[in-house]
Amino acid sequence: MAISVIIWGIIILVVLIYVLFEFKRMRHKLFALFLIGLILFAFFSFNFVFAGKNIQLNSLPDFQKAAQMYFSWLGNAFHNIQIVTTNAIKMNWQGNKST
């Protein structure tokens, strides 16, 4: 009886250690996926914002103008998301009550 409890304790300890190491690896994988997503978002949003505009990043004033344009667009996008979210919350989601 005591040997089986010790064996079960060792098995549970081994499984727990394995799960902890896998969690650590999974955390690194999730961080890598987050960074990849952030890079893709930046790439596609830069292309969207500067499409059709003659932007040269050769000098500091041009870079400042491009950064101002990009962050203005990004701020407006988040503001629009905020407006849509607040309007969705304020809507009547209970439907029509007819008797």
PDB file of N, CA and C in Angstrom:
ATOM      1  N   MET A   1       0.819  -1.194   0.000  1.00  0.00           N
ATOM      2  CA  MET A   1       0.000   0.000   0.000  1.00  0.00           C
ATOM      3  C   MET A   1       0.862   1.256   0.000  1.00  0.00           C
ATOM      4  N   ALA A   2       1.883   1.297   0.851  1.00  0.00           N
ATOM      5  CA  ALA A   2       2.743   2.474   0.945  1.00  0.00           C
ATOM      6  C   ALA A   2       3.567   2.648  -0.322  1.00  0.00           C
ATOM      7  N   ILE A   3       3.957   1.525  -0.945  1.00  0.00           N
ATOM      8  CA  ILE A   3       4.750   1.603  -2.172  1.00  0.00           C
ATOM      9  C   ILE A   3       3.913   2.193  -3.303  1.00  0.00           C
ATOM     10  N   SER A   4       2.637   1.823  -3.395  1.00  0.00           N
ATOM     11  CA  SER A   4       1.796   2.353  -4.465  1.00  0.00           C
ATOM     12  C   SER A   4       1.562   3.860  -4.280  1.00  0.00           C
ATOM     13  N   VAL A   5       1.466   4.328  -3.046  1.00  0.00           N
ATOM     14  CA  VAL A   5       1.311   5.766  -2.797  1.00  0.00           C
ATOM     15  C   VAL A   5       2.574   6.503  -3.219  1.00  0.00           C
ATOM     16  N   ILE A   6       3.736   5.927  -2.918  1.00  0.00           N
ATOM     17  CA  ILE A   6       5.005   6.545  -3.310  1.00  0.00           C
ATOM     18  C   ILE A   6       5.128   6.569  -4.829  1.00  0.00           C
ATOM     19  N   ILE A   7       4.761   5.488  -5.488  1.00  0.00           N
ATOM     20  CA  ILE A   7       4.827   5.431  -6.953  1.00  0.00           C
ATOM     21  C   ILE A   7       3.890   6.474  -7.563  1.00  0.00           C
ATOM     22  N   TRP A   8       2.660   6.570  -7.037  1.00  0.00           N
ATOM     23  CA  TRP A   8       1.723   7.579  -7.547  1.00  0.00           C
ATOM     24  C   TRP A   8       2.252   8.992  -7.291  1.00  0.00           C
ATOM     25  N   GLY A   9       2.877   9.217  -6.163  1.00  0.00           N
ATOM     26  CA  GLY A   9       3.461  10.525  -5.859  1.00  0.00           C
ATOM     27  C   GLY A   9       4.563  10.881  -6.836  1.00  0.00           C
ATOM     28  N   ILE A  10       5.421   9.900  -7.162  1.00  0.00           N
ATOM     29  CA  ILE A  10       6.501  10.133  -8.122  1.00  0.00           C
ATOM     30  C   ILE A  10       5.930  10.406  -9.505  1.00  0.00           C
ATOM     31  N   ILE A  11       4.912   9.647  -9.906  1.00  0.00           N
ATOM     32  CA  ILE A  11       4.293   9.847 -11.220  1.00  0.00           C
ATOM     33  C   ILE A  11       3.678  11.245 -11.309  1.00  0.00           C
ATOM     34  N   ILE A  12       2.973  11.652 -10.266  1.00  0.00           N
ATOM     35  CA  ILE A  12       2.353  12.982 -10.266  1.00  0.00           C
ATOM     36  C   ILE A  12       3.420  14.069 -10.294  1.00  0.00           C
ATOM     37  N   LEU A  13       4.514  13.870  -9.556  1.00  0.00           N
ATOM     38  CA  LEU A  13       5.600  14.839  -9.548  1.00  0.00           C
ATOM     39  C   LEU A  13       6.250  14.956 -10.923  1.00  0.00           C
ATOM     40  N   VAL A  14       6.483  13.838 -11.596  1.00  0.00           N
ATOM     41  CA  VAL A  14       7.078  13.851 -12.936  1.00  0.00           C
ATOM     42  C   VAL A  14       6.150  14.559 -13.920  1.00  0.00           C
ATOM     43  N   VAL A  15       4.861  14.250 -13.853  1.00  0.00           N
ATOM     44  CA  VAL A  15       3.898  14.893 -14.756  1.00  0.00           C
ATOM     45  C   VAL A  15       3.840  16.394 -14.484  1.00  0.00           C
ATOM     46  N   LEU A  16       3.866  16.792 -13.224  1.00  0.00           N
ATOM     47  CA  LEU A  16       3.829  18.206 -12.871  1.00  0.00           C
ATOM     48  C   LEU A  16       5.058  18.942 -13.404  1.00  0.00           C
ATOM     49  N   ILE A  17       6.225  18.343 -13.259  1.00  0.00           N
ATOM     50  CA  ILE A  17       7.451  18.957 -13.779  1.00  0.00           C
ATOM     51  C   ILE A  17       7.385  19.067 -15.296  1.00  0.00           C
ATOM     52  N   TYR A  18       6.895  18.035 -15.963  1.00  0.00           N
ATOM     53  CA  TYR A  18       6.759  18.062 -17.418  1.00  0.00           C
ATOM     54  C   TYR A  18       5.804  19.177 -17.856  1.00  0.00           C
ATOM     55  N   VAL A  19       4.681  19.306 -17.168  1.00  0.00           N
ATOM     56  CA  VAL A  19       3.699  20.343 -17.518  1.00  0.00           C
ATOM     57  C   VAL A  19       4.293  21.734 -17.310  1.00  0.00           C
ATOM     58  N   LEU A  20       5.049  21.922 -16.241  1.00  0.00           N
ATOM     59  CA  LEU A  20       5.668  23.228 -15.996  1.00  0.00           C
ATOM     60  C   LEU A  20       6.663  23.589 -17.093  1.00  0.00           C
ATOM     61  N   PHE A  21       7.478  22.618 -17.528  1.00  0.00           N
ATOM     62  CA  PHE A  21       8.422  22.896 -18.608  1.00  0.00           C
ATOM     63  C   PHE A  21       7.701  23.169 -19.921  1.00  0.00           C
ATOM     64  N   GLU A  22       6.634  22.442 -20.197  1.00  0.00           N
ATOM     65  CA  GLU A  22       5.862  22.685 -21.418  1.00  0.00           C
ATOM     66  C   GLU A  22       5.185  24.050 -21.370  1.00  0.00           C
ATOM     67  N   PHE A  23       4.713  24.453 -20.205  1.00  0.00           N
ATOM     68  CA  PHE A  23       4.101  25.769 -20.072  1.00  0.00           C
ATOM     69  C   PHE A  23       5.116  26.863 -20.363  1.00  0.00           C
ATOM     70  N   LYS A  24       6.351  26.667 -19.893  1.00  0.00           N
ATOM     71  CA  LYS A  24       7.402  27.650 -20.146  1.00  0.00           C
ATOM     72  C   LYS A  24       7.690  27.753 -21.640  1.00  0.00           C
ATOM     73  N   ARG A  25       7.763  26.624 -22.335  1.00  0.00           N
ATOM     74  CA  ARG A  25       7.970  26.642 -23.788  1.00  0.00           C
ATOM     75  C   ARG A  25       6.779  27.260 -24.496  1.00  0.00           C
ATOM     76  N   MET A  26       5.569  26.951 -24.032  1.00  0.00           N
ATOM     77  CA  MET A  26       4.371  27.488 -24.663  1.00  0.00           C
ATOM     78  C   MET A  26       4.320  29.004 -24.489  1.00  0.00           C
ATOM     79  N   ARG A  27       4.759  29.496 -23.346  1.00  0.00           N
ATOM     80  CA  ARG A  27       4.773  30.936 -23.108  1.00  0.00           C
ATOM     81  C   ARG A  27       5.707  31.623 -24.099  1.00  0.00           C
ATOM     82  N   HIS A  28       6.852  31.020 -24.380  1.00  0.00           N
ATOM     83  CA  HIS A  28       7.778  31.582 -25.359  1.00  0.00           C
ATOM     84  C   HIS A  28       7.171  31.540 -26.761  1.00  0.00           C
ATOM     85  N   LYS A  29       6.463  30.470 -27.076  1.00  0.00           N
ATOM     86  CA  LYS A  29       5.818  30.377 -28.386  1.00  0.00           C
ATOM     87  C   LYS A  29       4.726  31.430 -28.531  1.00  0.00           C
ATOM     88  N   LEU A  30       3.943  31.640 -27.484  1.00  0.00           N
ATOM     89  CA  LEU A  30       2.896  32.656 -27.541  1.00  0.00           C
ATOM     90  C   LEU A  30       3.490  34.052 -27.684  1.00  0.00           C
ATOM     91  N   PHE A  31       4.592  34.312 -27.013  1.00  0.00           N
ATOM     92  CA  PHE A  31       5.255  35.605 -27.149  1.00  0.00           C
ATOM     93  C   PHE A  31       5.781  35.787 -28.567  1.00  0.00           C
ATOM     94  N   ALA A  32       6.334  34.730 -29.151  1.00  0.00           N
ATOM     95  CA  ALA A  32       6.813  34.806 -30.531  1.00  0.00           C
ATOM     96  C   ALA A  32       5.652  35.059 -31.486  1.00  0.00           C
ATOM     97  N   LEU A  33       4.525  34.396 -31.278  1.00  0.00           N
ATOM     98  CA  LEU A  33       3.353  34.634 -32.126  1.00  0.00           C
ATOM     99  C   LEU A  33       2.839  36.063 -31.965  1.00  0.00           C
ATOM    100  N   PHE A  34       2.875  36.592 -30.748  1.00  0.00           N
ATOM    101  CA  PHE A  34       2.467  37.976 -30.525  1.00  0.00           C
ATOM    102  C   PHE A  34       3.373  38.933 -31.292  1.00  0.00           C
ATOM    103  N   LEU A  35       4.682  38.705 -31.243  1.00  0.00           N
ATOM    104  CA  LEU A  35       5.611  39.571 -31.968  1.00  0.00           C
ATOM    105  C   LEU A  35       5.404  39.477 -33.474  1.00  0.00           C
ATOM    106  N   ILE A  36       5.171  38.275 -33.989  1.00  0.00           N
ATOM    107  CA  ILE A  36       4.912  38.110 -35.419  1.00  0.00           C
ATOM    108  C   ILE A  36       3.644  38.855 -35.808  1.00  0.00           C
ATOM    109  N   GLY A  37       2.599  38.737 -35.001  1.00  0.00           N
ATOM    110  CA  GLY A  37       1.358  39.455 -35.276  1.00  0.00           C
ATOM    111  C   GLY A  37       1.548  40.963 -35.241  1.00  0.00           C
ATOM    112  N   LEU A  38       2.336  41.446 -34.288  1.00  0.00           N
ATOM    113  CA  LEU A  38       2.602  42.876 -34.187  1.00  0.00           C
ATOM    114  C   LEU A  38       3.372  43.385 -35.405  1.00  0.00           C
ATOM    115  N   ILE A  39       4.347  42.616 -35.861  1.00  0.00           N
ATOM    116  CA  ILE A  39       5.116  42.999 -37.044  1.00  0.00           C
ATOM    117  C   ILE A  39       4.227  43.005 -38.279  1.00  0.00           C
ATOM    118  N   LEU A  40       3.380  41.982 -38.435  1.00  0.00           N
ATOM    119  CA  LEU A  40       2.469  41.951 -39.583  1.00  0.00           C
ATOM    120  C   LEU A  40       1.478  43.108 -39.538  1.00  0.00           C
ATOM    121  N   PHE A  41       0.942  43.414 -38.357  1.00  0.00           N
ATOM    122  CA  PHE A  41       0.028  44.549 -38.228  1.00  0.00           C
ATOM    123  C   PHE A  41       0.720  45.845 -38.628  1.00  0.00           C
ATOM    124  N   ALA A  42       1.941  46.054 -38.153  1.00  0.00           N
ATOM    125  CA  ALA A  42       2.676  47.273 -38.487  1.00  0.00           C
ATOM    126  C   ALA A  42       2.938  47.349 -39.986  1.00  0.00           C
ATOM    127  N   PHE A  43       3.339  46.252 -40.595  1.00  0.00           N
ATOM    128  CA  PHE A  43       3.636  46.242 -42.029  1.00  0.00           C
ATOM    129  C   PHE A  43       2.406  46.592 -42.852  1.00  0.00           C
ATOM    130  N   PHE A  44       1.284  45.898 -42.592  1.00  0.00           N
ATOM    131  CA  PHE A  44       0.086  46.136 -43.388  1.00  0.00           C
ATOM    132  C   PHE A  44      -0.532  47.503 -43.089  1.00  0.00           C
ATOM    133  N   SER A  45      -0.463  47.956 -41.852  1.00  0.00           N
ATOM    134  CA  SER A  45      -1.022  49.276 -41.554  1.00  0.00           C
ATOM    135  C   SER A  45      -0.166  50.382 -42.172  1.00  0.00           C
ATOM    136  N   PHE A  46       1.165  50.232 -42.178  1.00  0.00           N
ATOM    137  CA  PHE A  46       2.015  51.209 -42.863  1.00  0.00           C
ATOM    138  C   PHE A  46       1.673  51.263 -44.344  1.00  0.00           C
ATOM    139  N   ASN A  47       1.523  50.091 -44.956  1.00  0.00           N
ATOM    140  CA  ASN A  47       1.180  50.063 -46.376  1.00  0.00           C
ATOM    141  C   ASN A  47      -0.176  50.700 -46.633  1.00  0.00           C
ATOM    142  N   PHE A  48      -1.133  50.486 -45.747  1.00  0.00           N
ATOM    143  CA  PHE A  48      -2.467  51.058 -45.927  1.00  0.00           C
ATOM    144  C   PHE A  48      -2.445  52.572 -45.757  1.00  0.00           C
ATOM    145  N   VAL A  49      -1.744  53.061 -44.747  1.00  0.00           N
ATOM    146  CA  VAL A  49      -1.726  54.498 -44.464  1.00  0.00           C
ATOM    147  C   VAL A  49      -0.986  55.265 -45.552  1.00  0.00           C
ATOM    148  N   PHE A  50       0.126  54.740 -46.016  1.00  0.00           N
ATOM    149  CA  PHE A  50       0.960  55.479 -46.957  1.00  0.00           C
ATOM    150  C   PHE A  50       0.704  55.115 -48.413  1.00  0.00           C
ATOM    151  N   ALA A  51      -0.357  54.358 -48.701  1.00  0.00           N
ATOM    152  CA  ALA A  51      -0.675  54.003 -50.084  1.00  0.00           C
ATOM    153  C   ALA A  51      -1.095  55.264 -50.840  1.00  0.00           C
ATOM    154  N   GLY A  52      -0.474  55.486 -51.984  1.00  0.00           N
ATOM    155  CA  GLY A  52      -0.815  56.631 -52.823  1.00  0.00           C
ATOM    156  C   GLY A  52      -0.209  57.942 -52.361  1.00  0.00           C
ATOM    157  N   LYS A  53       0.613  57.919 -51.347  1.00  0.00           N
ATOM    158  CA  LYS A  53       1.244  59.143 -50.855  1.00  0.00           C
ATOM    159  C   LYS A  53       2.740  59.065 -51.139  1.00  0.00           C
ATOM    160  N   ASN A  54       3.294  60.179 -51.548  1.00  0.00           N
ATOM    161  CA  ASN A  54       4.716  60.227 -51.870  1.00  0.00           C
ATOM    162  C   ASN A  54       5.486  60.570 -50.598  1.00  0.00           C
ATOM    163  N   ILE A  55       5.791  59.563 -49.815  1.00  0.00           N
ATOM    164  CA  ILE A  55       6.501  59.746 -48.547  1.00  0.00           C
ATOM    165  C   ILE A  55       7.935  59.252 -48.719  1.00  0.00           C
ATOM    166  N   GLN A  56       8.881  60.137 -48.441  1.00  0.00           N
ATOM    167  CA  GLN A  56      10.295  59.786 -48.452  1.00  0.00           C
ATOM    168  C   GLN A  56      10.803  59.848 -47.017  1.00  0.00           C
ATOM    169  N   LEU A  57      11.477  58.823 -46.585  1.00  0.00           N
ATOM    170  CA  LEU A  57      11.994  58.779 -45.214  1.00  0.00           C
ATOM    171  C   LEU A  57      13.491  59.071 -45.181  1.00  0.00           C
ATOM    172  N   ASN A  58      13.933  59.996 -46.041  1.00  0.00           N
ATOM    173  CA  ASN A  58      15.360  60.297 -46.140  1.00  0.00           C
ATOM    174  C   ASN A  58      15.824  61.328 -45.119  1.00  0.00           C
ATOM    175  N   SER A  59      14.934  62.195 -44.688  1.00  0.00           N
ATOM    176  CA  SER A  59      15.337  63.244 -43.756  1.00  0.00           C
ATOM    177  C   SER A  59      14.456  63.197 -42.510  1.00  0.00           C
ATOM    178  N   LEU A  60      14.897  63.872 -41.482  1.00  0.00           N
ATOM    179  CA  LEU A  60      14.174  63.877 -40.216  1.00  0.00           C
ATOM    180  C   LEU A  60      12.801  64.542 -40.326  1.00  0.00           C
ATOM    181  N   PRO A  61      12.657  65.680 -41.016  1.00  0.00           N
ATOM    182  CA  PRO A  61      11.308  66.267 -41.134  1.00  0.00           C
ATOM    183  C   PRO A  61      10.324  65.356 -41.877  1.00  0.00           C
ATOM    184  N   ASP A  62      10.802  64.650 -42.906  1.00  0.00           N
ATOM    185  CA  ASP A  62       9.926  63.717 -43.619  1.00  0.00           C
ATOM    186  C   ASP A  62       9.530  62.548 -42.721  1.00  0.00           C
ATOM    187  N   PHE A  63      10.476  62.067 -41.933  1.00  0.00           N
ATOM    188  CA  PHE A  63      10.181  60.972 -41.012  1.00  0.00           C
ATOM    189  C   PHE A  63       9.186  61.418 -39.948  1.00  0.00           C
ATOM    190  N   GLN A  64       9.343  62.640 -39.443  1.00  0.00           N
ATOM    191  CA  GLN A  64       8.404  63.167 -38.451  1.00  0.00           C
ATOM    192  C   GLN A  64       7.009  63.318 -39.051  1.00  0.00           C
ATOM    193  N   LYS A  65       6.937  63.764 -40.300  1.00  0.00           N
ATOM    194  CA  LYS A  65       5.644  63.906 -40.975  1.00  0.00           C
ATOM    195  C   LYS A  65       4.981  62.543 -41.144  1.00  0.00           C
ATOM    196  N   ALA A  66       5.763  61.542 -41.534  1.00  0.00           N
ATOM    197  CA  ALA A  66       5.221  60.193 -41.706  1.00  0.00           C
ATOM    198  C   ALA A  66       4.766  59.616 -40.369  1.00  0.00           C
ATOM    199  N   ALA A  67       5.553  59.819 -39.315  1.00  0.00           N
ATOM    200  CA  ALA A  67       5.174  59.314 -37.991  1.00  0.00           C
ATOM    201  C   ALA A  67       3.912  60.003 -37.494  1.00  0.00           C
ATOM    202  N   GLN A  68       3.807  61.313 -37.716  1.00  0.00           N
ATOM    203  CA  GLN A  68       2.611  62.046 -37.305  1.00  0.00           C
ATOM    204  C   GLN A  68       1.390  61.532 -38.059  1.00  0.00           C
ATOM    205  N   MET A  69       1.537  61.282 -39.351  1.00  0.00           N
ATOM    206  CA  MET A  69       0.426  60.779 -40.156  1.00  0.00           C
ATOM    207  C   MET A  69       0.007  59.383 -39.692  1.00  0.00           C
ATOM    208  N   TYR A  70       0.978  58.514 -39.428  1.00  0.00           N
ATOM    209  CA  TYR A  70       0.668  57.146 -39.023  1.00  0.00           C
ATOM    210  C   TYR A  70      -0.017  57.113 -37.659  1.00  0.00           C
ATOM    211  N   PHE A  71       0.535  57.834 -36.684  1.00  0.00           N
ATOM    212  CA  PHE A  71      -0.051  57.795 -35.345  1.00  0.00           C
ATOM    213  C   PHE A  71      -1.394  58.515 -35.297  1.00  0.00           C
ATOM    214  N   SER A  72      -1.593  59.499 -36.159  1.00  0.00           N
ATOM    215  CA  SER A  72      -2.907  60.127 -36.268  1.00  0.00           C
ATOM    216  C   SER A  72      -3.919  59.123 -36.802  1.00  0.00           C
ATOM    217  N   TRP A  73      -3.528  58.377 -37.826  1.00  0.00           N
ATOM    218  CA  TRP A  73      -4.416  57.346 -38.374  1.00  0.00           C
ATOM    219  C   TRP A  73      -4.716  56.279 -37.325  1.00  0.00           C
ATOM    220  N   LEU A  74      -3.698  55.846 -36.605  1.00  0.00           N
ATOM    221  CA  LEU A  74      -3.871  54.815 -35.582  1.00  0.00           C
ATOM    222  C   LEU A  74      -4.785  55.306 -34.454  1.00  0.00           C
ATOM    223  N   GLY A  75      -4.602  56.554 -34.032  1.00  0.00           N
ATOM    224  CA  GLY A  75      -5.470  57.121 -33.001  1.00  0.00           C
ATOM    225  C   GLY A  75      -6.914  57.220 -33.463  1.00  0.00           C
ATOM    226  N   ASN A  76      -7.120  57.628 -34.722  1.00  0.00           N
ATOM    227  CA  ASN A  76      -8.481  57.696 -35.255  1.00  0.00           C
ATOM    228  C   ASN A  76      -9.102  56.312 -35.366  1.00  0.00           C
ATOM    229  N   ALA A  77      -8.305  55.318 -35.709  1.00  0.00           N
ATOM    230  CA  ALA A  77      -8.832  53.952 -35.802  1.00  0.00           C
ATOM    231  C   ALA A  77      -9.300  53.471 -34.428  1.00  0.00           C
ATOM    232  N   PHE A  78      -8.504  53.708 -33.392  1.00  0.00           N
ATOM    233  CA  PHE A  78      -8.913  53.302 -32.043  1.00  0.00           C
ATOM    234  C   PHE A  78     -10.119  54.107 -31.556  1.00  0.00           C
ATOM    235  N   HIS A  79     -10.187  55.379 -31.935  1.00  0.00           N
ATOM    236  CA  HIS A  79     -11.347  56.194 -31.567  1.00  0.00           C
ATOM    237  C   HIS A  79     -12.608  55.657 -32.244  1.00  0.00           C
ATOM    238  N   ASN A  80     -12.498  55.261 -33.508  1.00  0.00           N
ATOM    239  CA  ASN A  80     -13.649  54.692 -34.211  1.00  0.00           C
ATOM    240  C   ASN A  80     -14.091  53.376 -33.578  1.00  0.00           C
ATOM    241  N   ILE A  81     -13.142  52.567 -33.149  1.00  0.00           N
ATOM    242  CA  ILE A  81     -13.485  51.314 -32.466  1.00  0.00           C
ATOM    243  C   ILE A  81     -14.208  51.620 -31.159  1.00  0.00           C
ATOM    244  N   GLN A  82     -13.767  52.651 -30.455  1.00  0.00           N
ATOM    245  CA  GLN A  82     -14.420  53.048 -29.209  1.00  0.00           C
ATOM    246  C   GLN A  82     -15.856  53.499 -29.475  1.00  0.00           C
ATOM    247  N   ILE A  83     -16.074  54.271 -30.525  1.00  0.00           N
ATOM    248  CA  ILE A  83     -17.423  54.746 -30.849  1.00  0.00           C
ATOM    249  C   ILE A  83     -18.332  53.580 -31.199  1.00  0.00           C
ATOM    250  N   VAL A  84     -17.841  52.655 -32.023  1.00  0.00           N
ATOM    251  CA  VAL A  84     -18.653  51.499 -32.407  1.00  0.00           C
ATOM    252  C   VAL A  84     -18.995  50.656 -31.181  1.00  0.00           C
ATOM    253  N   THR A  85     -18.030  50.469 -30.294  1.00  0.00           N
ATOM    254  CA  THR A  85     -18.267  49.668 -29.092  1.00  0.00           C
ATOM    255  C   THR A  85     -19.296  50.325 -28.178  1.00  0.00           C
ATOM    256  N   THR A  86     -19.173  51.631 -27.961  1.00  0.00           N
ATOM    257  CA  THR A  86     -20.142  52.293 -27.085  1.00  0.00           C
ATOM    258  C   THR A  86     -21.530  52.307 -27.706  1.00  0.00           C
ATOM    259  N   ASN A  87     -21.622  52.461 -29.021  1.00  0.00           N
ATOM    260  CA  ASN A  87     -22.935  52.409 -29.667  1.00  0.00           C
ATOM    261  C   ASN A  87     -23.534  51.013 -29.575  1.00  0.00           C
ATOM    262  N   ALA A  88     -22.710  49.986 -29.684  1.00  0.00           N
ATOM    263  CA  ALA A  88     -23.219  48.617 -29.565  1.00  0.00           C
ATOM    264  C   ALA A  88     -23.700  48.333 -28.144  1.00  0.00           C
ATOM    265  N   ILE A  89     -23.021  48.889 -27.152  1.00  0.00           N
ATOM    266  CA  ILE A  89     -23.438  48.683 -25.765  1.00  0.00           C
ATOM    267  C   ILE A  89     -24.752  49.400 -25.482  1.00  0.00           C
ATOM    268  N   LYS A  90     -24.933  50.581 -26.061  1.00  0.00           N
ATOM    269  CA  LYS A  90     -26.139  51.373 -25.805  1.00  0.00           C
ATOM    270  C   LYS A  90     -27.373  50.837 -26.523  1.00  0.00           C
ATOM    271  N   MET A  91     -27.199  49.936 -27.480  1.00  0.00           N
ATOM    272  CA  MET A  91     -28.343  49.445 -28.249  1.00  0.00           C
ATOM    273  C   MET A  91     -29.264  48.591 -27.383  1.00  0.00           C
ATOM    274  N   ASN A  92     -30.505  48.526 -27.798  1.00  0.00           N
ATOM    275  CA  ASN A  92     -31.493  47.690 -27.125  1.00  0.00           C
ATOM    276  C   ASN A  92     -31.387  46.283 -27.704  1.00  0.00           C
ATOM    277  N   TRP A  93     -30.831  45.372 -26.942  1.00  0.00           N
ATOM    278  CA  TRP A  93     -30.597  44.012 -27.422  1.00  0.00           C
ATOM    279  C   TRP A  93     -31.685  43.045 -26.964  1.00  0.00           C
ATOM    280  N   GLN A  94     -32.762  43.552 -26.384  1.00  0.00           N
ATOM    281  CA  GLN A  94     -33.803  42.667 -25.878  1.00  0.00           C
ATOM    282  C   GLN A  94     -34.844  42.332 -26.930  1.00  0.00           C
ATOM    283  N   GLY A  95     -34.858  43.036 -28.025  1.00  0.00           N
ATOM    284  CA  GLY A  95     -35.815  42.733 -29.080  1.00  0.00           C
ATOM    285  C   GLY A  95     -37.166  43.360 -28.810  1.00  0.00           C
ATOM    286  N   ASN A  96     -38.087  43.091 -29.702  1.00  0.00           N
ATOM    287  CA  ASN A  96     -39.443  43.629 -29.565  1.00  0.00           C
ATOM    288  C   ASN A  96     -40.247  42.769 -28.614  1.00  0.00           C
ATOM    289  N   LYS A  97     -40.961  43.429 -27.734  1.00  0.00           N
ATOM    290  CA  LYS A  97     -41.830  42.708 -26.803  1.00  0.00           C
ATOM    291  C   LYS A  97     -43.266  42.922 -27.260  1.00  0.00           C
ATOM    292  N   SER A  98     -43.815  41.930 -27.907  1.00  0.00           N
ATOM    293  CA  SER A  98     -45.203  42.039 -28.357  1.00  0.00           C
ATOM    294  C   SER A  98     -46.037  40.994 -27.629  1.00  0.00           C
ATOM    295  N   THR A  99     -47.255  41.383 -27.286  1.00  0.00           N
ATOM    296  CA  THR A  99     -48.121  40.456 -26.547  1.00  0.00           C
ATOM    297  C   THR A  99     -49.252  39.995 -27.401  1.00  0.00           C
TER     298      THR A  99
END
